[in-house]
Protein backbone atom coordinates (compact mmCIF):
# COMPACT_ATOMS: atom_id res chain seq x y z
CA MET A 1 316.89 103.39 192.52
CA GLN A 2 315.16 102.38 189.30
CA ARG A 3 317.29 100.92 186.56
CA LYS A 4 317.68 103.12 183.50
CA VAL A 5 314.91 102.45 181.00
CA PRO A 6 316.16 101.37 177.58
CA ARG A 7 314.26 102.92 174.69
CA PHE A 8 313.88 100.66 171.75
CA CYS A 9 311.61 100.47 168.78
CA GLY A 10 311.36 96.88 167.79
CA VAL A 11 312.27 93.44 168.96
CA ILE A 12 315.88 92.39 168.80
CA PHE A 13 316.79 88.78 169.28
CA ALA A 14 317.72 87.34 172.63
CA ALA A 15 318.10 83.73 173.70
CA LEU A 16 315.73 82.60 170.94
CA LEU A 17 315.54 84.39 167.62
CA TRP A 18 311.75 84.71 167.70
CA SER A 19 309.63 85.94 164.82
CA LEU A 20 306.81 87.49 166.87
CA LEU A 21 307.38 91.23 166.73
CA PRO A 22 305.04 92.03 169.63
CA ALA A 23 306.43 89.44 171.95
CA ALA A 24 309.57 89.64 174.12
CA ALA A 25 312.20 87.83 172.10
CA GLN A 26 313.43 84.99 174.19
CA ALA A 27 315.07 81.76 173.21
CA GLN A 28 317.54 80.87 170.57
CA VAL A 29 315.34 79.97 167.66
CA ARG A 30 313.37 82.03 165.22
CA ILE A 31 310.32 80.13 164.00
CA ILE A 32 309.15 81.25 160.58
CA SER A 33 305.58 80.46 159.64
CA PRO A 34 304.22 80.18 156.10
CA ALA A 35 303.21 83.50 154.59
CA ALA A 36 299.54 84.36 154.71
CA ASP A 37 297.76 84.63 151.40
CA ASN A 38 295.15 87.16 150.32
CA ASP A 39 292.09 85.04 151.09
CA THR A 40 291.17 85.86 154.68
CA SER A 41 288.74 82.96 154.97
CA ASP A 42 291.56 80.61 154.01
CA VAL A 43 293.84 82.30 156.53
CA VAL A 44 291.27 81.85 159.30
CA GLU A 45 290.81 78.20 158.34
CA ARG A 46 294.57 77.60 158.42
CA GLY A 47 294.80 79.48 161.69
CA ARG A 48 292.08 77.36 163.25
CA ARG A 49 294.04 74.26 162.30
CA PHE A 50 297.06 75.66 164.12
CA GLU A 51 294.81 76.47 167.10
CA ALA A 52 293.37 72.96 167.18
CA GLN A 53 296.93 71.62 167.49
CA SER A 54 297.85 74.25 170.12
CA ARG A 55 300.41 75.71 167.73
CA TRP A 56 299.72 79.18 169.04
CA GLY A 57 302.97 80.80 167.96
CA GLU A 58 302.38 79.86 164.35
CA ALA A 59 298.76 81.01 164.58
CA VAL A 60 299.85 84.41 165.88
CA ASN A 61 302.41 84.77 163.08
CA LEU A 62 299.86 83.79 160.47
CA TYR A 63 297.23 86.28 161.68
CA GLU A 64 299.79 89.08 162.05
CA GLU A 65 301.01 88.65 158.49
CA ALA A 66 297.44 88.59 157.21
CA LEU A 67 296.53 91.72 159.20
CA ARG A 68 299.33 93.58 157.48
CA GLU A 69 297.58 92.88 154.19
CA HIS A 70 294.06 93.38 155.61
CA PRO A 71 294.35 95.92 158.47
CA GLY A 72 291.22 96.23 160.58
CA ASN A 73 289.72 92.92 159.44
CA SER A 74 287.47 91.96 162.37
CA ASP A 75 287.74 88.17 161.95
CA LEU A 76 291.53 88.28 161.79
CA THR A 77 291.73 90.69 164.73
CA VAL A 78 289.58 88.47 166.96
CA ARG A 79 291.51 85.33 166.02
CA HIS A 80 294.85 87.10 166.50
CA ASP A 81 293.93 88.41 169.95
CA LEU A 82 292.73 85.01 171.11
CA ALA A 83 295.83 83.26 169.76
CA LYS A 84 298.07 85.85 171.40
CA ILE A 85 296.43 85.26 174.80
CA HIS A 86 296.97 81.50 174.44
CA TYR A 87 300.54 81.97 173.24
CA ASP A 88 301.52 84.29 176.09
CA LEU A 89 299.84 82.02 178.65
CA GLY A 90 301.79 79.01 177.40
CA ARG A 91 305.05 80.91 177.55
CA ARG A 92 304.43 82.05 181.12
CA TYR A 93 303.62 78.55 182.36
CA HIS A 94 306.80 77.18 180.79
CA ASP A 95 308.84 79.95 182.41
CA ALA A 96 310.60 78.89 185.62
CA SER A 97 310.86 82.46 186.92
CA PHE A 98 307.10 82.97 186.50
CA LEU A 99 306.25 79.68 188.21
CA LYS A 100 308.52 80.62 191.11
CA ALA A 101 306.79 83.99 191.48
CA LEU A 102 303.39 82.31 191.27
CA ALA A 103 304.30 79.87 194.04
CA THR A 104 305.95 82.34 196.42
CA LEU A 105 304.22 85.69 195.96
CA PRO A 106 301.54 86.29 198.65
CA THR A 107 298.24 87.89 197.69
CA ARG A 108 299.24 91.28 199.03
CA ASP A 109 302.40 91.38 196.90
CA ALA A 110 300.57 90.07 193.82
CA LEU A 111 298.09 92.94 194.18
CA GLY A 112 301.02 95.30 194.70
CA LEU A 113 302.55 94.07 191.45
CA TYR A 114 299.26 94.68 189.61
CA ALA A 115 299.03 98.16 191.13
CA GLU A 116 302.59 98.97 190.02
CA VAL A 117 301.86 97.85 186.46
CA LEU A 118 298.81 100.10 186.36
CA LEU A 119 300.90 103.00 187.67
CA LYS A 120 303.49 102.47 184.93
CA ILE A 121 300.70 102.49 182.35
CA GLN A 122 299.21 105.67 183.75
CA SER A 123 302.60 107.41 183.86
CA HIS A 124 304.23 106.27 180.64
CA TYR A 125 301.84 104.78 178.10
CA VAL A 126 301.48 106.73 174.86
CA ALA A 127 297.67 107.05 175.10
CA GLU A 128 295.20 107.73 177.89
CA PRO A 129 294.41 104.35 179.52
CA ASN A 130 290.92 102.88 179.25
CA TRP A 131 290.67 101.30 182.71
CA LYS A 132 287.46 99.41 181.97
CA ALA A 133 289.02 97.82 178.87
CA ILE A 134 292.16 96.96 180.83
CA VAL A 135 290.13 94.96 183.36
CA GLN A 136 287.98 93.39 180.64
CA ARG A 137 291.09 92.09 178.84
CA GLY A 138 292.22 90.55 182.12
CA THR A 139 288.83 88.84 182.45
CA GLN A 140 289.16 87.47 178.92
CA GLY A 141 292.62 86.16 179.73
CA PHE A 142 291.37 84.56 182.93
CA GLN A 143 288.59 82.82 181.00
CA VAL A 144 291.08 81.46 178.47
CA ALA A 145 293.38 80.32 181.26
CA LEU A 146 290.59 78.39 183.03
CA GLY A 147 290.05 76.38 179.85
CA THR A 148 293.68 75.37 179.31
CA ASP A 149 295.39 72.27 180.64
CA VAL A 150 298.55 74.10 181.68
CA PHE A 151 296.66 76.51 183.95
CA ALA A 152 294.21 73.90 185.23
CA LYS A 153 296.99 71.49 186.18
CA GLN A 154 298.70 74.20 188.22
CA ASN A 155 295.71 75.96 189.77
CA LEU A 156 292.48 73.93 189.64
CA ASN A 157 291.26 70.98 191.68
CA ARG A 158 291.21 67.94 189.39
CA ARG A 159 287.76 66.95 190.63
CA ILE A 160 286.09 70.19 189.52
CA SER A 161 283.98 69.76 186.38
CA ALA A 162 284.00 71.94 183.30
CA ALA A 163 280.45 73.02 184.11
CA GLU A 164 281.49 74.10 187.60
CA VAL A 165 284.42 76.06 186.16
CA GLN A 166 282.12 77.81 183.72
CA ALA A 167 279.59 78.63 186.45
CA GLY A 168 282.31 79.99 188.71
CA PHE A 169 283.75 82.16 185.96
CA GLN A 170 280.31 83.55 185.17
CA GLN A 171 280.01 84.69 188.78
CA VAL A 172 283.31 86.56 188.49
CA GLU A 173 282.34 88.07 185.13
CA SER A 174 278.88 89.12 186.37
CA MET A 175 280.36 90.80 189.43
CA LEU A 176 282.82 92.80 187.32
CA ARG A 177 280.25 93.71 184.68
CA VAL A 178 278.26 95.90 187.05
CA ARG A 179 281.24 97.64 188.63
CA ASN A 180 282.15 101.19 187.68
CA ILE A 181 285.80 101.18 186.66
CA ARG A 182 286.74 104.77 185.92
CA ASN A 183 290.30 105.04 187.22
CA ARG A 184 293.34 103.10 188.38
CA GLN A 185 292.06 102.66 191.93
CA ASP A 186 288.75 101.25 190.66
CA ALA A 187 290.68 98.75 188.53
CA GLN A 188 292.80 97.62 191.47
CA GLU A 189 289.76 97.13 193.68
CA ALA A 190 287.90 95.24 190.94
CA VAL A 191 290.76 92.79 190.42
CA SER A 192 291.15 92.27 194.16
CA ALA A 193 287.44 91.39 194.35
CA ALA A 194 287.70 89.11 191.31
CA ALA A 195 290.64 87.21 192.82
CA GLN A 196 288.82 86.74 196.13
CA LEU A 197 285.65 85.51 194.41
CA ALA A 198 287.61 83.12 192.15
CA GLN A 199 289.28 81.69 195.22
CA GLN A 200 285.91 81.17 196.93
CA VAL A 201 284.01 79.59 194.04
CA LEU A 202 286.82 77.88 192.12
CA ARG A 203 289.57 77.50 194.73
CA VAL A 204 291.98 79.21 192.30
CA PRO A 205 294.93 80.71 194.18
CA THR A 206 294.47 84.47 194.35
CA ALA A 207 297.95 85.13 192.94
CA ALA A 208 297.16 83.03 189.83
CA THR A 209 294.05 85.10 189.10
CA ILE A 210 295.85 88.40 189.73
CA PHE A 211 298.68 87.42 187.40
CA GLU A 212 296.22 86.86 184.56
CA TYR A 213 294.81 90.35 185.11
CA THR A 214 298.34 91.77 185.34
CA CYS A 215 299.31 90.26 182.00
CA GLY A 216 295.96 91.26 180.53
CA ALA A 217 296.56 94.89 181.54
CA THR A 218 299.58 95.25 179.25
CA GLY A 219 298.07 92.97 176.61
CA SER A 220 295.06 95.27 176.31
CA LEU A 221 297.17 98.25 175.21
CA ASP A 222 298.69 97.32 171.84
CA GLU A 223 300.58 94.53 170.12
CA TYR A 224 303.97 95.72 171.42
CA SER A 225 303.29 96.24 175.14
CA SER A 226 303.66 93.23 177.44
CA TYR A 227 304.39 91.92 180.90
CA LEU A 228 307.92 90.52 181.24
CA THR A 229 308.73 87.71 183.63
CA SER A 230 312.07 87.89 185.42
CA ASP A 231 313.71 85.62 182.83
CA GLN A 232 312.16 87.56 179.95
CA LEU A 233 313.37 90.86 181.39
CA ASN A 234 316.90 89.50 181.68
CA ASP A 235 316.63 88.30 178.08
CA VAL A 236 315.70 91.80 176.94
CA TYR A 237 318.78 93.22 178.62
CA SER A 238 320.82 90.50 176.91
CA GLN A 239 319.32 91.53 173.58
CA ILE A 240 320.42 95.09 174.12
CA GLU A 241 323.95 93.93 174.90
CA GLY A 242 323.93 91.61 171.87
CA ASN A 243 324.66 88.31 173.63
CA PHE A 244 322.71 85.38 175.05
CA VAL A 245 323.01 81.74 176.04
CA GLY A 246 321.82 79.27 173.42
CA LEU A 247 322.69 77.42 170.23
CA GLY A 248 322.75 80.36 167.80
CA ILE A 249 320.37 79.12 165.13
CA GLU A 250 317.35 80.35 163.23
CA LEU A 251 314.67 77.82 162.31
CA LYS A 252 311.54 77.46 160.27
CA VAL A 253 308.96 74.69 160.19
CA ALA A 254 309.23 72.49 157.10
CA GLU A 255 307.36 69.23 156.49
CA GLY A 256 307.24 68.08 160.09
CA THR A 257 310.85 69.03 160.78
CA LEU A 258 312.68 72.14 161.93
CA GLN A 259 314.85 73.47 159.12
CA LEU A 260 317.92 75.59 159.88
CA VAL A 261 317.66 78.91 158.05
CA LYS A 262 320.74 80.49 159.60
CA VAL A 263 323.62 79.50 161.84
CA ILE A 264 325.32 82.40 163.63
CA THR A 265 329.04 82.66 163.00
CA GLY A 266 331.06 81.40 165.95
CA SER A 267 328.00 79.91 167.67
CA PRO A 268 327.80 76.48 169.37
CA ALA A 269 325.74 75.26 166.41
CA GLU A 270 328.46 76.25 163.94
CA ARG A 271 331.15 74.64 166.06
CA ALA A 272 329.07 71.44 166.12
CA GLY A 273 328.96 71.41 162.32
CA LEU A 274 325.33 72.43 161.83
CA LYS A 275 324.65 74.25 158.56
CA ALA A 276 321.81 76.20 156.97
CA GLY A 277 319.50 73.75 155.19
CA ASP A 278 319.94 70.98 157.75
CA ARG A 279 316.73 69.67 159.31
CA ILE A 280 316.22 68.81 162.96
CA THR A 281 314.05 65.70 163.19
CA ALA A 282 314.41 65.09 166.94
CA VAL A 283 315.49 66.95 170.08
CA ASP A 284 316.85 64.80 172.92
CA GLY A 285 315.24 61.78 171.30
CA ARG A 286 311.80 63.38 170.87
CA SER A 287 310.57 63.56 167.30
CA THR A 288 309.80 67.09 166.13
CA THR A 289 306.68 65.74 164.43
CA GLU A 290 305.27 65.15 167.93
CA MET A 291 305.68 68.71 169.17
CA ASN A 292 304.66 72.21 168.18
CA THR A 293 307.21 74.96 167.60
CA ASP A 294 306.86 76.37 171.11
CA GLN A 295 307.69 72.97 172.61
CA ALA A 296 310.68 72.59 170.30
CA ALA A 297 311.98 76.00 171.32
CA ASP A 298 311.58 75.11 175.00
CA LEU A 299 313.66 71.95 174.52
CA LEU A 300 316.41 73.73 172.60
CA GLN A 301 316.99 76.43 175.20
CA GLY A 302 318.71 75.82 178.50
CA VAL A 303 321.39 76.94 180.92
CA GLU A 304 324.96 77.66 179.91
CA GLY A 305 327.11 74.55 179.74
CA SER A 306 324.21 72.13 179.34
CA VAL A 307 324.03 69.83 176.34
CA VAL A 308 321.17 69.15 173.94
CA GLU A 309 321.21 66.30 171.41
CA VAL A 310 319.66 67.03 168.03
CA THR A 311 319.09 64.57 165.22
CA ILE A 312 320.11 66.17 161.92
CA LEU A 313 318.85 65.18 158.47
CA ASN A 314 320.56 66.39 155.28
CA SER A 315 321.69 65.08 151.92
CA ALA A 316 324.40 63.02 153.62
CA GLY A 317 321.86 61.18 155.75
CA THR A 318 320.92 61.25 159.42
CA ARG A 319 323.24 61.86 162.36
CA ARG A 320 323.00 62.77 166.02
CA VAL A 321 324.85 65.84 167.22
CA ALA A 322 325.44 66.96 170.79
CA VAL A 323 325.56 70.75 171.11
CA ARG A 324 326.72 72.48 174.28
CA ARG A 325 324.81 75.68 175.02
CA SER A 326 327.03 78.71 175.61
CA HIS A 327 327.13 82.46 175.25
CA VAL A 328 326.50 83.59 171.70
CA GLU A 329 327.54 87.01 170.44
CA VAL A 330 324.92 88.17 167.94
CA PRO A 331 326.63 90.22 165.23
CA SER A 332 324.60 93.25 164.23
CA ILE A 333 326.85 93.69 161.17
CA ASP A 334 327.44 90.68 158.95
CA ASP A 335 328.80 89.68 155.54
CA VAL A 336 331.06 92.72 155.03
CA LYS A 337 332.64 92.62 151.54
CA ILE A 338 333.27 94.32 148.23
CA VAL A 339 330.69 92.82 145.86
CA ASP A 340 331.73 94.64 142.68
CA GLN A 341 335.46 95.24 142.31
CA GLU A 342 335.14 97.23 139.07
CA TYR A 343 332.79 99.82 140.60
CA GLY A 344 334.08 99.50 144.17
CA ILE A 345 330.66 98.64 145.62
CA GLY A 346 330.80 97.64 149.26
CA TYR A 347 328.11 95.57 150.95
CA LEU A 348 327.13 94.77 154.52
CA LYS A 349 324.08 93.30 156.19
CA LEU A 350 322.74 95.15 159.23
CA THR A 351 320.80 92.50 161.14
CA CYS A 352 319.64 94.48 164.22
CA PHE A 353 320.30 97.64 166.21
CA GLN A 354 321.98 96.95 169.55
CA LYS A 355 324.56 98.61 171.80
CA THR A 356 327.51 97.45 169.72
CA THR A 357 326.08 98.38 166.31
CA SER A 358 327.68 101.81 165.97
CA ARG A 359 331.10 100.49 166.89
CA ASP A 360 330.72 97.44 164.65
CA LEU A 361 329.59 99.60 161.74
CA ASP A 362 332.63 101.87 162.13
CA ALA A 363 334.90 98.85 161.87
CA ALA A 364 333.06 97.58 158.79
CA LEU A 365 333.14 100.96 157.03
CA TRP A 366 336.87 101.42 157.54
CA LYS A 367 337.51 97.86 156.34
CA LEU A 368 335.56 98.55 153.13
CA HIS A 369 337.27 101.94 152.76
CA ARG A 370 340.69 100.27 152.84
CA GLU A 371 339.49 97.81 150.21
CA GLY A 372 338.52 100.60 147.80
CA MET A 373 334.82 101.25 148.55
CA LYS A 374 333.31 103.91 146.27
CA SER A 375 329.63 103.12 146.98
CA LEU A 376 327.88 101.19 149.73
CA VAL A 377 324.87 98.85 149.81
CA ILE A 378 323.41 98.31 153.29
CA ASP A 379 321.01 95.37 153.54
CA LEU A 380 318.19 96.00 156.07
CA ARG A 381 315.96 93.19 154.86
CA GLY A 382 314.59 91.17 157.76
CA ASN A 383 315.97 93.63 160.33
CA PRO A 384 313.27 93.83 163.06
CA GLY A 385 314.67 96.90 164.80
CA GLY A 386 316.34 97.43 168.14
CA LEU A 387 317.58 100.39 170.13
CA LEU A 388 316.30 103.81 169.15
CA THR A 389 319.62 105.43 170.03
CA SER A 390 321.51 102.88 167.93
CA SER A 391 319.43 103.66 164.83
CA VAL A 392 320.08 107.39 165.36
CA GLU A 393 323.82 106.76 165.70
CA VAL A 394 323.84 104.76 162.46
CA ALA A 395 321.87 107.41 160.54
CA ASP A 396 324.18 110.11 161.93
CA LYS A 397 327.10 108.45 160.15
CA PHE A 398 325.53 109.33 156.79
CA VAL A 399 323.34 112.41 157.51
CA ASP A 400 325.45 115.46 158.28
CA GLU A 401 322.82 117.66 159.94
CA GLY A 402 319.09 118.09 160.52
CA VAL A 403 316.44 115.93 162.16
CA ILE A 404 316.91 112.16 161.98
CA VAL A 405 313.73 111.19 163.80
CA SER A 406 311.16 112.83 166.08
CA THR A 407 309.30 111.12 168.90
CA ARG A 408 305.95 112.25 170.31
CA GLY A 409 304.16 110.82 173.34
CA ARG A 410 301.44 111.62 175.87
CA ASN A 411 304.18 112.53 178.34
CA ALA A 412 306.05 115.69 177.30
CA ALA A 413 309.32 114.01 178.28
CA GLU A 414 308.83 111.67 175.30
CA ASP A 415 308.78 114.58 172.80
CA TYR A 416 312.25 114.82 171.31
CA ASN A 417 314.00 115.61 168.03
CA TYR A 418 317.12 113.54 167.34
CA THR A 419 319.50 115.39 165.01
CA GLY A 420 322.59 114.65 162.96
CA HIS A 421 326.07 116.00 163.59
CA GLN A 422 328.38 116.96 160.76
CA ALA A 423 331.55 115.56 162.33
CA GLY A 424 332.36 112.01 161.22
CA THR A 425 329.83 111.87 158.37
CA TRP A 426 330.55 109.41 155.55
CA ARG A 427 329.91 110.91 152.10
CA VAL A 428 329.96 107.59 150.23
CA PRO A 429 326.96 107.08 147.86
CA LEU A 430 324.43 104.89 149.64
CA VAL A 431 321.83 102.24 148.74
CA LEU A 432 319.54 100.65 151.32
CA LEU A 433 317.77 97.35 150.70
CA ILE A 434 314.45 97.05 152.59
CA ASP A 435 311.51 94.68 152.69
CA GLY A 436 308.29 94.03 154.60
CA ASP A 437 310.26 92.69 157.56
CA SER A 438 312.42 95.80 157.92
CA ALA A 439 310.82 97.28 161.01
CA SER A 440 311.02 100.01 163.60
CA ALA A 441 314.64 101.12 164.12
CA SER A 442 315.31 100.00 160.53
CA GLU A 443 312.55 102.34 159.43
CA ILE A 444 314.05 105.23 161.40
CA PHE A 445 317.30 104.78 159.49
CA ALA A 446 315.59 104.26 156.13
CA GLY A 447 313.24 107.21 156.68
CA ALA A 448 316.14 109.53 157.50
CA ILE A 449 318.09 108.48 154.40
CA ARG A 450 314.99 108.93 152.21
CA ASP A 451 313.90 112.31 153.58
CA HIS A 452 317.42 113.77 153.44
CA ARG A 453 317.85 112.39 149.90
CA ARG A 454 321.03 110.81 151.12
CA GLY A 455 320.67 107.54 149.25
CA THR A 456 318.42 105.23 147.25
CA LEU A 457 315.98 102.79 148.85
CA VAL A 458 315.42 99.53 146.96
CA GLY A 459 313.01 96.68 147.65
CA GLN A 460 309.53 96.58 149.18
CA ARG A 461 307.62 98.82 151.59
CA SER A 462 308.82 98.33 155.16
CA TYR A 463 306.80 96.87 158.04
CA GLY A 464 305.27 100.05 159.46
CA LYS A 465 306.06 99.83 163.17
CA GLY A 466 306.33 103.48 164.17
CA SER A 467 306.40 103.25 167.96
CA VAL A 468 308.96 103.38 170.72
CA GLN A 469 308.92 101.06 173.72
CA GLY A 470 310.40 101.56 177.16
CA ILE A 471 311.43 98.70 179.45
CA PHE A 472 310.39 99.34 183.06
CA PRO A 473 311.61 97.04 185.86
CA LEU A 474 309.09 96.38 188.63
CA GLY A 475 309.75 96.23 192.34
CA LEU A 476 308.46 92.67 192.82
CA ALA A 477 309.20 89.22 191.36
CA GLY A 478 312.14 90.59 189.36
CA ALA A 479 309.62 91.33 186.62
CA GLY A 480 309.12 94.25 184.25
CA VAL A 481 306.85 95.69 181.60
CA ARG A 482 307.40 96.79 178.05
CA LEU A 483 305.22 99.81 177.23
CA THR A 484 304.76 101.87 174.10
CA THR A 485 305.76 105.36 175.20
CA ALA A 486 305.83 107.33 171.94
CA LYS A 487 305.26 107.33 168.20
CA PHE A 488 308.09 108.30 165.89
CA TYR A 489 308.11 110.36 162.70
CA SER A 490 310.58 110.73 159.86
CA PRO A 491 312.48 114.03 159.33
CA SER A 492 309.73 115.34 157.03
CA GLY A 493 307.12 114.66 159.73
CA LYS A 494 305.70 111.55 158.07
CA PRO A 495 304.33 108.87 160.41
CA ILE A 496 305.79 105.38 160.13
CA SER A 497 303.12 103.49 162.09
CA LYS A 498 300.88 101.39 159.82
CA VAL A 499 302.46 103.16 156.83
CA GLY A 500 306.08 102.07 156.59
CA VAL A 501 308.78 103.49 154.37
CA SER A 502 308.33 103.13 150.61
CA PRO A 503 311.37 102.39 148.43
CA ASP A 504 312.55 104.61 145.57
CA ILE A 505 312.87 101.49 143.43
CA ASN A 506 310.11 98.96 144.10
CA VAL A 507 311.23 95.39 143.45
CA GLN A 508 308.57 92.72 143.77
CA LYS A 509 309.84 89.47 145.19
CA THR A 510 309.19 87.62 141.95
CA ALA A 511 309.24 90.47 139.47
CA LYS A 512 311.31 93.34 138.10
CA PRO A 513 311.14 96.81 139.61
CA ILE A 514 308.01 98.73 138.67
CA ASP A 515 309.88 101.92 137.80
CA GLY A 516 312.94 100.53 136.11
CA GLU A 517 314.53 97.46 134.70
CA VAL A 518 316.83 95.26 136.71
CA ALA A 519 319.94 93.91 135.09
CA ALA A 520 319.96 90.16 134.69
CA ALA A 521 321.13 88.53 137.88
CA GLY A 522 324.79 87.69 137.58
CA THR A 523 327.58 86.71 139.86
CA GLN A 524 327.01 89.71 142.10
CA GLY A 525 323.25 89.46 142.30
CA GLY A 526 322.62 85.74 141.93
CA ASP A 527 318.90 85.04 141.97
CA ASP A 528 318.31 87.97 144.32
CA ALA A 529 316.32 90.56 142.33
CA VAL A 530 316.47 93.15 145.11
CA MET A 531 320.24 92.81 145.39
CA ALA A 532 320.58 93.06 141.61
CA ALA A 533 318.49 96.24 141.60
CA GLY A 534 320.56 97.64 144.46
CA LEU A 535 323.80 97.00 142.60
CA GLN A 536 322.42 98.67 139.51
CA ALA A 537 321.40 101.71 141.56
CA ALA A 538 324.89 101.86 143.13
CA ARG A 539 326.53 101.74 139.70
CA ARG A 540 324.32 104.60 138.51
CA GLN A 541 325.33 106.63 141.57
CA ILE A 542 329.01 106.16 140.78
CA ALA A 543 328.50 106.98 137.10
CA LYS A 544 326.93 110.35 138.05
CA ARG A 545 329.91 111.44 140.14
C-alpha cells in the first residue's frame, strides 16, 4: 500500500536548514550566499569563480537570485542548470543511502526504478511530459558525471584516459540522438540501451548510468521536482513533522568562516553555548577555509548521539566546543510577544508551515489574547513555505468564509478549492510582514489575507513560487520523487507563480515606504524599517476602530 502523499508548496527545513528552494532540504545548516547584483555579466563571472572552486551550492544560489531579477536570461539559465546538475550529483555521492543503492541494486531493478519514476511523471506531473527532453537531460547529467572526480572514483577505471571517456560518451550520445523517443516506453528502452553501451565502451556499471538518467528525468521538469534518495525522503518526512537530528543552527559564509545567523531555541547548539554572530573556523580540526559549504554541511551532520567539535571565533577569542547531535524540534512559531503595550500590538514570527503550525499558532494567539492583544503583526519574512494544508489552516483562522486558495493541475484530482470556515475565526486587526524570501505556503496565506481585505501587507513583493509538490515513495531503494502536481491561485484567481504577492505598503530594504512615511525607528522597530512600517499600520488599524 502506497504511503499517503504529502502535498506541500515549498521547502521546509529538515536536518540542514538549506537555502536552495528547489532542492530537498536536508542537513542542519542553511548556507546563505551573497545577494546577486543587477549586472548579469558580473553575476556570471562570480558564479564561474564558485564553479572553479566546486562551490556548487553557492553557485546555484547566486544564479537563482539573479534569475529572479532577470527571468529568462539565457546565460543565467544555462549556468544555473549546469550548477544544479553538479550540486545534485555531489549530494548524491555523499549520501550513504544512495551509495548503498548504487552498490546493491542489480540492473533489472535499476531499470525498474527508472520506469517507476517515469510512470509517476506521466500520472502526476502538472504538464504533459516531453519524453525526448527527459532523456536528453539524463544524457547531459551523465556527461557531467563522467567529468567529475566523485563519479569517476566510484565508477570509472583509473587507467582510462579523458579522451577515451569523451569518445565513449560520444558513442552513447550519437546512439540516442537518432532514436525516436515519443513515449514512456521509448524512453525506458533508450536508457536501457545507453546503460548497456556505456558498460561496453566505458565499463561504467549499468546501475550508475541508469541512476544519472533517473535523476535527470525529474531534473528536466522544473526547479522544484527532484529525485529523493532514501535518506532525503526520510528527511522530508522529518520536515513535515517539524523535527530532525542535527545541531540546530543556520549559517552563512563570511570571510572564509561559517557565521552563525540563528541558533534554534533548545537545540544542541544553544545548549553548547553557541550564539548568533559566532564564527566557525574549523570542524573536527579541519579549517573551514579549506572546504566549500557543501563539505562543511556534510561534516556538521551526523547520526543522533554523535559528537562534532567546532572551533568558535567571537569577540571573546577562540574556543573549541563539542556539540552532541540530537533531535531538534523546529518551532514554526517563534518570538511571541506584545511589542507595543500602549496599543496592544502582538507580534509573532511564522518561520515555516508544518504539521504542528496550526496547533502552535493557537497557543500563541491565546497567549497574546491573555496579554491584551488588540492588533497582531505576523512576520512571514524568510518563510520558505511548507505544507499546503497547514497554510490553509492558518489562513482559516483569520478568513471567515470564501476561497483561501485554488489548485489546478493536469490531473483533475488536483483541481480543488480550499475554503474558510466561520467557526473559530479571529477578528483581530492583522498586519503581515513579507519579503522576497516569503515563498509558496507563505504566499497562499498572504494572498488570502490580501484578496479578502482581511489585513495589511507590508514589506517587499514575495518570491513567486506558485506550485504544489507531492512526495511519492518508490517501490525500490527506499527512494522517492518530489513532483510538481499543480499550480495555485489566490482567492481572486490571480496566479502566484513568477508573480508573487505585492504588499499594500512597499518598504524598500534601505528606504522608506513608497506610498507612505515610516515613523522613525524606535524601541519597537529598532533599525528594522519593515517592522516599523508594520507597527505604524497596526496603530492606524486600531485608531480606526
